Amino acid sequence: MDTYSARANTIFCTFCTVLGTTAVLNHLTTFLPMDRFNVQTSGTVQLNKVHDLIPNSHLNSDQSVLSFHLSHNLSTEFHWNMNQLFLYVVATYNDTEANKRNEVTIYVRHLAGGSPPVDRRHRSVRGWT
């Protein structure tokens, strides 16, 4: 009959063996031919119209409502190891006295493996700058 320490030792050694084997196999994946994973993505963003641009005194910032046309083809991004992708559009504008770097994320989309990677639609976005 095994003691509790012998059982714990068996569980611990099995865990370490599986962890080590997985780590070695993970390291060996770095030697896969990476030319299969070179992807060529394409996308365009065109500003259609700035509907509204007003100062928001409550938040001490500017508020804008704009619409743009976003077209992208990310079908080559999804392969055997890619399950999700985060797509975002960042707008940059001129330097101000207070900030040297002015960037605002105006569009964010989560693309799962089953969603269509090709999209050509008109977007309307409300954002704060």
Protein backbone atom coordinates (compact mmCIF):
# COMPACT_ATOMS: atom_id res chain seq x y z
CA MET A 1 0.00 0.00 0.00
CA ASP A 2 1.34 3.42 -0.98
CA THR A 3 1.72 6.22 1.45
CA TYR A 4 0.45 9.74 0.85
CA SER A 5 3.97 11.00 0.18
CA ALA A 6 4.55 8.30 -2.47
CA ARG A 7 1.29 9.22 -4.19
CA ALA A 8 2.16 12.93 -4.06
CA ASN A 9 5.60 12.15 -5.48
CA THR A 10 4.02 10.20 -8.36
CA ILE A 11 1.63 13.04 -9.17
CA PHE A 12 4.40 15.65 -8.97
CA CYS A 13 6.80 13.66 -11.17
CA THR A 14 4.08 13.02 -13.74
CA PHE A 15 3.25 16.73 -13.78
CA CYS A 16 6.92 17.68 -14.26
CA THR A 17 7.34 15.11 -17.04
CA VAL A 18 4.31 16.36 -18.95
CA LEU A 19 5.32 20.00 -18.42
CA GLY A 20 8.87 19.35 -19.63
CA THR A 21 7.70 17.38 -22.67
CA THR A 22 5.28 20.13 -23.61
CA ALA A 23 7.99 22.78 -23.20
CA VAL A 24 10.38 20.86 -25.46
CA LEU A 25 7.70 20.35 -28.12
CA ASN A 26 6.78 24.04 -27.92
CA HIS A 27 10.43 24.98 -28.43
CA LEU A 28 10.69 22.67 -31.44
CA THR A 29 7.86 24.54 -33.18
CA THR A 30 10.25 27.47 -33.66
CA PHE A 31 12.04 25.38 -36.29
CA LEU A 32 8.93 25.07 -38.49
CA PRO A 33 9.33 26.59 -41.95
CA MET A 34 8.08 30.15 -41.48
CA ASP A 35 7.66 30.94 -45.17
CA ARG A 36 4.19 29.40 -44.88
CA PHE A 37 3.21 32.12 -42.43
CA ASN A 38 4.24 35.16 -44.45
CA VAL A 39 0.96 36.88 -45.11
CA GLN A 40 0.01 39.72 -47.41
CA THR A 41 -2.81 41.74 -45.92
CA SER A 42 -4.49 44.69 -47.52
CA GLY A 43 -6.79 47.35 -46.23
CA THR A 44 -7.92 50.90 -46.84
CA VAL A 45 -9.62 53.51 -44.70
CA GLN A 46 -11.31 56.48 -46.34
CA LEU A 47 -12.92 59.29 -44.39
CA ASN A 48 -16.40 59.98 -45.75
CA LYS A 49 -17.63 62.83 -43.60
CA VAL A 50 -17.09 64.51 -40.24
CA HIS A 51 -20.67 64.91 -39.03
CA ASP A 52 -19.99 66.76 -35.82
CA LEU A 53 -16.98 68.20 -33.98
CA ILE A 54 -17.73 70.00 -30.73
CA PRO A 55 -15.91 70.61 -27.45
CA ASN A 56 -17.20 68.52 -24.57
CA SER A 57 -16.83 70.67 -21.45
CA HIS A 58 -17.95 67.86 -19.12
CA LEU A 59 -15.06 65.58 -20.15
CA ASN A 60 -12.70 68.47 -20.97
CA SER A 61 -12.08 67.12 -24.47
CA ASP A 62 -13.33 67.32 -28.03
CA GLN A 63 -16.12 65.08 -29.26
CA SER A 64 -16.49 63.99 -32.84
CA VAL A 65 -18.91 61.95 -34.91
CA LEU A 66 -17.48 60.76 -38.21
CA SER A 67 -18.11 58.16 -40.85
CA PHE A 68 -15.53 56.27 -42.87
CA HIS A 69 -15.28 53.44 -45.35
CA LEU A 70 -13.17 50.51 -44.18
CA SER A 71 -12.16 47.76 -46.57
CA HIS A 72 -9.86 44.92 -45.54
CA ASN A 73 -8.86 41.45 -46.63
CA LEU A 74 -7.44 39.41 -43.77
CA SER A 75 -8.14 35.95 -45.18
CA THR A 76 -4.43 35.07 -45.29
CA GLU A 77 -4.02 35.86 -41.58
CA PHE A 78 -6.01 32.84 -40.39
CA HIS A 79 -4.02 29.62 -40.39
CA TRP A 80 -3.83 26.55 -38.18
CA ASN A 81 -2.56 28.49 -35.17
CA MET A 82 -4.57 31.72 -35.51
CA ASN A 83 -7.90 31.71 -33.71
CA GLN A 84 -8.62 35.39 -33.18
CA LEU A 85 -7.46 38.76 -34.42
CA PHE A 86 -8.00 42.26 -33.08
CA LEU A 87 -8.45 44.96 -35.71
CA TYR A 88 -8.33 48.62 -34.76
CA VAL A 89 -8.11 51.98 -36.53
CA VAL A 90 -6.13 54.77 -34.90
CA ALA A 91 -6.48 58.42 -35.87
CA THR A 92 -3.54 60.73 -35.27
CA TYR A 93 -3.70 64.49 -35.36
CA ASN A 94 -1.46 67.51 -34.91
CA ASP A 95 0.63 68.18 -31.84
CA THR A 96 -0.84 70.50 -29.26
CA GLU A 97 0.72 72.46 -26.43
CA ALA A 98 -0.38 69.90 -23.85
CA ASN A 99 0.38 66.69 -25.79
CA LYS A 100 3.09 65.79 -28.26
CA ARG A 101 1.44 62.52 -29.28
CA ASN A 102 -2.25 62.70 -30.12
CA GLU A 103 -3.83 59.40 -31.06
CA VAL A 104 -7.38 58.16 -30.71
CA THR A 105 -8.63 54.64 -31.37
CA ILE A 106 -11.78 55.18 -33.40
CA TYR A 107 -12.67 51.62 -34.38
CA VAL A 108 -12.09 48.23 -32.73
CA ARG A 109 -13.29 44.86 -33.94
CA HIS A 110 -12.59 41.35 -32.71
CA LEU A 111 -12.37 38.81 -35.53
CA ALA A 112 -12.86 35.22 -34.48
CA GLY A 113 -11.82 32.24 -36.56
CA GLY A 114 -15.33 31.73 -37.93
CA SER A 115 -16.09 35.36 -38.83
CA PRO A 116 -15.60 36.60 -42.39
CA PRO A 117 -12.11 38.09 -42.79
CA VAL A 118 -13.10 40.16 -45.85
CA ASP A 119 -15.18 43.21 -45.02
CA ARG A 120 -16.25 46.19 -47.10
CA ARG A 121 -18.74 48.29 -45.22
CA HIS A 122 -19.53 51.86 -44.33
CA ARG A 123 -18.91 52.73 -40.66
CA SER A 124 -20.20 55.54 -38.53
CA VAL A 125 -18.31 56.17 -35.31
CA ARG A 126 -18.68 58.49 -32.33
CA GLY A 127 -15.51 59.23 -30.47
CA TRP A 128 -13.77 61.56 -28.07
CA THR A 129 -10.41 63.18 -28.68
